[in-house]
Amino acid sequence: MLQNIQDTSLRFATALAVAILFIACQDNYERVGQEAKAKIFPQGVAENFKLTYTEAEKPMSTKDSAVTKVIAILESPLNEDYDNLSFRYKVFPKGLQVEFYDEEGNKNTVKADYGMVYTQTKIIDLRGNVVITSNDGKQLETDQLYWDQNNNWIFTEEKFTYTNPEEGTVMDGEGMDFNKDFTFLNAHKTFGIMTIKEEQND
């Protein structure tokens, strides 16, 4: 009888010890870094949209009416708007195309596989098969490009190919900055074959 009581007590003590071990092994670890990152959701999602930016030719008061001109047309299959965050931005995960117009109404085009617009800093980050085509046929191809909207300045540190049909030149290089009209170009490093059209003197 005493042996049965001792065996029962031993079994009960073992079961209690195992239960305490399981309770003590609960995951109370406070997550840090990637594990603790809060889920972020956009305040809005738009599919297959076309957005037209216009500008009045002169400043208007609240009662004025004026003629406006088209500055740019943005098209994208998908836009995610994160302007609800403290550091606001918009994402174009499936690519975008922007047609923008100069003072004379000439159209220039930008295409990319991915885009991000930082709302506060007005910097645009374009990635993947980025192609800029000017109204006169000049073309820049690269993998990543930044566009500073405040200063109308565009730059890349990636490899690029720049084609100028007017001069009959093709330039390969790495790193370039230029204005949006392609009237000023600064290539940081050039390499490969550059074809230059020679002028003939009579």
C-alpha atoms as a PDB file:
ATOM      1  CA  MET A   1       0.000   0.000   0.000  1.00  0.00           C
ATOM      2  CA  LEU A   2       2.838   2.364   0.927  1.00  0.00           C
ATOM      3  CA  GLN A   3       4.554   1.471  -2.351  1.00  0.00           C
ATOM      4  CA  ASN A   4       1.406   2.395  -4.330  1.00  0.00           C
ATOM      5  CA  ILE A   5       1.188   5.759  -2.564  1.00  0.00           C
ATOM      6  CA  GLN A   6       4.858   6.433  -3.286  1.00  0.00           C
ATOM      7  CA  ASP A   7       4.425   5.449  -6.970  1.00  0.00           C
ATOM      8  CA  THR A   8       1.352   7.690  -7.289  1.00  0.00           C
ATOM      9  CA  SER A   9       3.166  10.573  -5.607  1.00  0.00           C
ATOM     10  CA  LEU A  10       6.152  10.093  -7.927  1.00  0.00           C
ATOM     11  CA  ARG A  11       3.914  10.082 -11.016  1.00  0.00           C
ATOM     12  CA  PHE A  12       2.069  13.183  -9.794  1.00  0.00           C
ATOM     13  CA  ALA A  13       5.371  14.994  -9.095  1.00  0.00           C
ATOM     14  CA  THR A  14       6.676  14.030 -12.562  1.00  0.00           C
ATOM     15  CA  ALA A  15       3.498  15.257 -14.272  1.00  0.00           C
ATOM     16  CA  LEU A  16       3.637  18.501 -12.286  1.00  0.00           C
ATOM     17  CA  ALA A  17       7.295  19.038 -13.206  1.00  0.00           C
ATOM     18  CA  VAL A  18       6.541  18.488 -16.921  1.00  0.00           C
ATOM     19  CA  ALA A  19       3.579  20.902 -16.756  1.00  0.00           C
ATOM     20  CA  ILE A  20       5.743  23.561 -15.077  1.00  0.00           C
ATOM     21  CA  LEU A  21       8.429  22.987 -17.738  1.00  0.00           C
ATOM     22  CA  PHE A  22       5.918  23.568 -20.570  1.00  0.00           C
ATOM     23  CA  ILE A  23       4.547  26.707 -18.886  1.00  0.00           C
ATOM     24  CA  ALA A  24       8.077  28.024 -18.353  1.00  0.00           C
ATOM     25  CA  CYS A  25       8.892  27.414 -22.035  1.00  0.00           C
ATOM     26  CA  GLN A  26       6.206  29.780 -23.304  1.00  0.00           C
ATOM     27  CA  ASP A  27       7.541  32.233 -25.891  1.00  0.00           C
ATOM     28  CA  ASN A  28       7.624  35.515 -23.985  1.00  0.00           C
ATOM     29  CA  TYR A  29      10.543  36.776 -26.087  1.00  0.00           C
ATOM     30  CA  GLU A  30      10.141  40.437 -26.996  1.00  0.00           C
ATOM     31  CA  ARG A  31      10.588  40.626 -30.762  1.00  0.00           C
ATOM     32  CA  VAL A  32      13.073  43.111 -32.178  1.00  0.00           C
ATOM     33  CA  GLY A  33      14.185  44.146 -35.623  1.00  0.00           C
ATOM     34  CA  GLN A  34      12.432  42.468 -38.533  1.00  0.00           C
ATOM     35  CA  GLU A  35      10.220  40.346 -36.256  1.00  0.00           C
ATOM     36  CA  ALA A  36       8.776  43.373 -34.448  1.00  0.00           C
ATOM     37  CA  LYS A  37       8.091  45.438 -37.581  1.00  0.00           C
ATOM     38  CA  ALA A  38       4.538  46.723 -37.567  1.00  0.00           C
ATOM     39  CA  LYS A  39       2.352  45.869 -40.536  1.00  0.00           C
ATOM     40  CA  ILE A  40       1.901  48.813 -42.868  1.00  0.00           C
ATOM     41  CA  PHE A  41      -1.172  49.258 -45.020  1.00  0.00           C
ATOM     42  CA  PRO A  42      -1.780  51.891 -47.704  1.00  0.00           C
ATOM     43  CA  GLN A  43      -4.508  54.457 -47.195  1.00  0.00           C
ATOM     44  CA  GLY A  44      -5.610  53.873 -50.772  1.00  0.00           C
ATOM     45  CA  VAL A  45      -5.054  51.554 -53.730  1.00  0.00           C
ATOM     46  CA  ALA A  46      -5.855  52.480 -57.329  1.00  0.00           C
ATOM     47  CA  GLU A  47      -5.838  50.126 -60.314  1.00  0.00           C
ATOM     48  CA  ASN A  48      -5.537  51.004 -64.017  1.00  0.00           C
ATOM     49  CA  PHE A  49      -5.641  54.731 -63.510  1.00  0.00           C
ATOM     50  CA  LYS A  50      -4.636  57.788 -65.488  1.00  0.00           C
ATOM     51  CA  LEU A  51      -3.779  60.996 -63.659  1.00  0.00           C
ATOM     52  CA  THR A  52      -3.424  64.340 -65.466  1.00  0.00           C
ATOM     53  CA  TYR A  53      -1.459  67.176 -63.838  1.00  0.00           C
ATOM     54  CA  THR A  54      -2.445  70.675 -64.989  1.00  0.00           C
ATOM     55  CA  GLU A  55      -1.229  74.143 -64.151  1.00  0.00           C
ATOM     56  CA  ALA A  56      -2.813  77.577 -64.553  1.00  0.00           C
ATOM     57  CA  GLU A  57      -0.879  79.952 -66.772  1.00  0.00           C
ATOM     58  CA  LYS A  58      -1.137  82.700 -64.116  1.00  0.00           C
ATOM     59  CA  PRO A  59      -1.844  82.736 -60.356  1.00  0.00           C
ATOM     60  CA  MET A  60      -5.556  82.760 -59.561  1.00  0.00           C
ATOM     61  CA  SER A  61      -7.668  84.060 -56.694  1.00  0.00           C
ATOM     62  CA  THR A  62     -10.686  82.152 -55.376  1.00  0.00           C
ATOM     63  CA  LYS A  63     -13.074  83.829 -57.848  1.00  0.00           C
ATOM     64  CA  ASP A  64     -10.874  83.642 -60.954  1.00  0.00           C
ATOM     65  CA  SER A  65     -11.145  81.298 -63.876  1.00  0.00           C
ATOM     66  CA  ALA A  66      -8.198  80.661 -66.133  1.00  0.00           C
ATOM     67  CA  VAL A  67      -6.913  78.499 -68.923  1.00  0.00           C
ATOM     68  CA  THR A  68      -4.783  75.597 -67.712  1.00  0.00           C
ATOM     69  CA  LYS A  69      -2.139  73.602 -69.508  1.00  0.00           C
ATOM     70  CA  VAL A  70      -1.210  69.943 -69.125  1.00  0.00           C
ATOM     71  CA  ILE A  71       2.099  69.445 -67.309  1.00  0.00           C
ATOM     72  CA  ALA A  72       2.183  65.645 -67.107  1.00  0.00           C
ATOM     73  CA  ILE A  73       0.072  62.516 -67.554  1.00  0.00           C
ATOM     74  CA  LEU A  74       0.802  59.539 -65.310  1.00  0.00           C
ATOM     75  CA  GLU A  75      -0.483  56.049 -66.085  1.00  0.00           C
ATOM     76  CA  SER A  76       0.023  52.884 -64.050  1.00  0.00           C
ATOM     77  CA  PRO A  77      -1.681  49.521 -63.548  1.00  0.00           C
ATOM     78  CA  LEU A  78      -1.362  49.828 -59.745  1.00  0.00           C
ATOM     79  CA  ASN A  79      -0.694  52.595 -57.218  1.00  0.00           C
ATOM     80  CA  GLU A  80      -0.418  52.190 -53.439  1.00  0.00           C
ATOM     81  CA  ASP A  81      -0.713  55.430 -51.449  1.00  0.00           C
ATOM     82  CA  TYR A  82       1.161  55.550 -48.109  1.00  0.00           C
ATOM     83  CA  ASP A  83       0.611  59.250 -47.409  1.00  0.00           C
ATOM     84  CA  ASN A  84      -0.986  58.171 -44.108  1.00  0.00           C
ATOM     85  CA  LEU A  85       2.501  57.495 -42.644  1.00  0.00           C
ATOM     86  CA  SER A  86       4.803  60.038 -40.999  1.00  0.00           C
ATOM     87  CA  PHE A  87       7.247  59.640 -43.928  1.00  0.00           C
ATOM     88  CA  ARG A  88       4.831  59.757 -46.846  1.00  0.00           C
ATOM     89  CA  TYR A  89       5.296  58.020 -50.183  1.00  0.00           C
ATOM     90  CA  LYS A  90       3.472  56.419 -53.102  1.00  0.00           C
ATOM     91  CA  VAL A  91       4.462  53.134 -54.757  1.00  0.00           C
ATOM     92  CA  PHE A  92       3.940  51.884 -58.312  1.00  0.00           C
ATOM     93  CA  PRO A  93       4.840  48.188 -57.923  1.00  0.00           C
ATOM     94  CA  LYS A  94       3.762  47.181 -61.442  1.00  0.00           C
ATOM     95  CA  GLY A  95       5.466  50.031 -63.272  1.00  0.00           C
ATOM     96  CA  LEU A  96       4.443  53.379 -64.672  1.00  0.00           C
ATOM     97  CA  GLN A  97       4.577  55.655 -67.682  1.00  0.00           C
ATOM     98  CA  VAL A  98       4.775  59.441 -67.431  1.00  0.00           C
ATOM     99  CA  GLU A  99       4.343  61.853 -70.330  1.00  0.00           C
ATOM    100  CA  PHE A 100       5.519  65.322 -69.372  1.00  0.00           C
ATOM    101  CA  TYR A 101       5.369  68.493 -71.442  1.00  0.00           C
ATOM    102  CA  ASP A 102       7.811  71.393 -71.717  1.00  0.00           C
ATOM    103  CA  GLU A 103       6.952  75.089 -72.105  1.00  0.00           C
ATOM    104  CA  GLU A 104       6.402  74.659 -75.861  1.00  0.00           C
ATOM    105  CA  GLY A 105       4.086  71.673 -75.357  1.00  0.00           C
ATOM    106  CA  ASN A 106       6.620  69.065 -76.555  1.00  0.00           C
ATOM    107  CA  LYS A 107       6.069  65.618 -75.062  1.00  0.00           C
ATOM    108  CA  ASN A 108       8.791  63.633 -73.283  1.00  0.00           C
ATOM    109  CA  THR A 109       8.189  60.109 -71.932  1.00  0.00           C
ATOM    110  CA  VAL A 110       9.492  58.130 -68.956  1.00  0.00           C
ATOM    111  CA  LYS A 111       8.838  54.391 -68.444  1.00  0.00           C
ATOM    112  CA  ALA A 112       9.930  52.080 -65.625  1.00  0.00           C
ATOM    113  CA  ASP A 113       9.068  48.664 -64.169  1.00  0.00           C
ATOM    114  CA  TYR A 114       8.793  50.104 -60.626  1.00  0.00           C
ATOM    115  CA  GLY A 115       8.415  53.561 -59.151  1.00  0.00           C
ATOM    116  CA  MET A 116       8.324  55.267 -55.779  1.00  0.00           C
ATOM    117  CA  VAL A 117       7.431  58.912 -55.154  1.00  0.00           C
ATOM    118  CA  TYR A 118       8.574  60.434 -51.855  1.00  0.00           C
ATOM    119  CA  THR A 119       5.845  63.000 -51.211  1.00  0.00           C
ATOM    120  CA  GLN A 120       7.710  65.235 -48.759  1.00  0.00           C
ATOM    121  CA  THR A 121      11.077  65.406 -50.511  1.00  0.00           C
ATOM    122  CA  LYS A 122       9.589  65.282 -54.038  1.00  0.00           C
ATOM    123  CA  ILE A 123      12.166  62.706 -55.107  1.00  0.00           C
ATOM    124  CA  ILE A 124      11.064  60.026 -57.580  1.00  0.00           C
ATOM    125  CA  ASP A 125      12.893  56.679 -57.556  1.00  0.00           C
ATOM    126  CA  LEU A 126      12.498  54.669 -60.788  1.00  0.00           C
ATOM    127  CA  ARG A 127      13.825  51.120 -61.149  1.00  0.00           C
ATOM    128  CA  GLY A 128      13.954  48.368 -63.753  1.00  0.00           C
ATOM    129  CA  ASN A 129      14.203  49.047 -67.507  1.00  0.00           C
ATOM    130  CA  VAL A 130      14.041  52.801 -67.033  1.00  0.00           C
ATOM    131  CA  VAL A 131      13.745  54.566 -70.400  1.00  0.00           C
ATOM    132  CA  ILE A 132      13.507  58.323 -70.932  1.00  0.00           C
ATOM    133  CA  THR A 133      12.660  59.476 -74.453  1.00  0.00           C
ATOM    134  CA  SER A 134      12.712  63.179 -75.338  1.00  0.00           C
ATOM    135  CA  ASN A 135      10.520  64.786 -77.988  1.00  0.00           C
ATOM    136  CA  ASP A 136      13.472  64.979 -80.403  1.00  0.00           C
ATOM    137  CA  GLY A 137      14.266  61.258 -80.105  1.00  0.00           C
ATOM    138  CA  LYS A 138      17.102  61.335 -77.544  1.00  0.00           C
ATOM    139  CA  GLN A 139      16.919  58.313 -75.274  1.00  0.00           C
ATOM    140  CA  LEU A 140      18.462  57.247 -71.975  1.00  0.00           C
ATOM    141  CA  GLU A 141      18.257  53.640 -70.742  1.00  0.00           C
ATOM    142  CA  THR A 142      19.349  52.549 -67.271  1.00  0.00           C
ATOM    143  CA  ASP A 143      18.365  50.278 -64.342  1.00  0.00           C
ATOM    144  CA  GLN A 144      17.682  52.986 -61.751  1.00  0.00           C
ATOM    145  CA  LEU A 145      17.078  56.711 -61.924  1.00  0.00           C
ATOM    146  CA  TYR A 146      16.304  59.472 -59.407  1.00  0.00           C
ATOM    147  CA  TRP A 147      14.325  62.573 -60.305  1.00  0.00           C
ATOM    148  CA  ASP A 148      14.471  65.654 -58.074  1.00  0.00           C
ATOM    149  CA  GLN A 149      11.200  67.446 -58.875  1.00  0.00           C
ATOM    150  CA  ASN A 150      12.097  70.574 -56.913  1.00  0.00           C
ATOM    151  CA  ASN A 151      15.184  71.226 -59.023  1.00  0.00           C
ATOM    152  CA  ASN A 152      14.047  69.481 -62.241  1.00  0.00           C
ATOM    153  CA  TRP A 153      17.240  67.433 -62.021  1.00  0.00           C
ATOM    154  CA  ILE A 154      17.647  63.746 -62.945  1.00  0.00           C
ATOM    155  CA  PHE A 155      20.553  61.506 -61.963  1.00  0.00           C
ATOM    156  CA  THR A 156      21.746  57.903 -61.849  1.00  0.00           C
ATOM    157  CA  GLU A 157      24.797  56.086 -60.524  1.00  0.00           C
ATOM    158  CA  GLU A 158      24.022  52.981 -62.598  1.00  0.00           C
ATOM    159  CA  LYS A 159      25.283  51.981 -66.037  1.00  0.00           C
ATOM    160  CA  PHE A 160      23.455  53.697 -68.888  1.00  0.00           C
ATOM    161  CA  THR A 161      23.122  53.928 -72.649  1.00  0.00           C
ATOM    162  CA  TYR A 162      22.430  57.357 -74.125  1.00  0.00           C
ATOM    163  CA  THR A 163      21.378  57.646 -77.776  1.00  0.00           C
ATOM    164  CA  ASN A 164      21.339  60.968 -79.602  1.00  0.00           C
ATOM    165  CA  PRO A 165      19.930  60.568 -83.148  1.00  0.00           C
ATOM    166  CA  GLU A 166      20.540  64.239 -83.987  1.00  0.00           C
ATOM    167  CA  GLU A 167      24.288  63.790 -83.620  1.00  0.00           C
ATOM    168  CA  GLY A 168      24.283  60.108 -84.537  1.00  0.00           C
ATOM    169  CA  THR A 169      25.957  59.141 -81.245  1.00  0.00           C
ATOM    170  CA  VAL A 170      25.540  56.254 -78.818  1.00  0.00           C
ATOM    171  CA  MET A 171      27.282  56.604 -75.456  1.00  0.00           C
ATOM    172  CA  ASP A 172      27.659  53.928 -72.774  1.00  0.00           C
ATOM    173  CA  GLY A 173      28.704  54.914 -69.298  1.00  0.00           C
ATOM    174  CA  GLU A 174      28.186  54.745 -65.566  1.00  0.00           C
ATOM    175  CA  GLY A 175      26.680  57.619 -63.611  1.00  0.00           C
ATOM    176  CA  MET A 176      25.007  60.641 -65.182  1.00  0.00           C
ATOM    177  CA  ASP A 177      23.094  63.736 -64.150  1.00  0.00           C
ATOM    178  CA  PHE A 178      21.114  66.052 -66.411  1.00  0.00           C
ATOM    179  CA  ASN A 179      18.150  68.404 -66.633  1.00  0.00           C
ATOM    180  CA  LYS A 180      14.765  67.153 -67.796  1.00  0.00           C
ATOM    181  CA  ASP A 181      15.094  68.760 -71.244  1.00  0.00           C
ATOM    182  CA  PHE A 182      18.395  66.961 -72.015  1.00  0.00           C
ATOM    183  CA  THR A 183      19.994  70.355 -72.733  1.00  0.00           C
ATOM    184  CA  PHE A 184      22.705  69.770 -70.100  1.00  0.00           C
ATOM    185  CA  LEU A 185      24.318  66.343 -69.592  1.00  0.00           C
ATOM    186  CA  ASN A 186      27.133  65.353 -67.257  1.00  0.00           C
ATOM    187  CA  ALA A 187      28.351  61.760 -67.733  1.00  0.00           C
ATOM    188  CA  HIS A 188      30.518  60.645 -64.809  1.00  0.00           C
ATOM    189  CA  LYS A 189      32.261  57.793 -66.633  1.00  0.00           C
ATOM    190  CA  THR A 190      32.020  56.686 -70.260  1.00  0.00           C
ATOM    191  CA  PHE A 191      33.232  53.492 -71.887  1.00  0.00           C
ATOM    192  CA  GLY A 192      32.679  51.249 -74.890  1.00  0.00           C
ATOM    193  CA  ILE A 193      32.267  52.476 -78.432  1.00  0.00           C
ATOM    194  CA  MET A 194      31.056  56.000 -79.079  1.00  0.00           C
ATOM    195  CA  THR A 195      30.042  56.835 -82.618  1.00  0.00           C
ATOM    196  CA  ILE A 196      30.497  60.512 -83.478  1.00  0.00           C
ATOM    197  CA  LYS A 197      29.256  62.054 -86.700  1.00  0.00           C
ATOM    198  CA  GLU A 198      31.911  64.189 -88.351  1.00  0.00           C
ATOM    199  CA  GLU A 199      31.030  67.493 -89.950  1.00  0.00           C
ATOM    200  CA  GLN A 200      32.243  67.982 -93.517  1.00  0.00           C
ATOM    201  CA  ASN A 201      33.799  71.295 -94.528  1.00  0.00           C
ATOM    202  CA  ASP A 202      33.207  72.558 -98.077  1.00  0.00           C
END
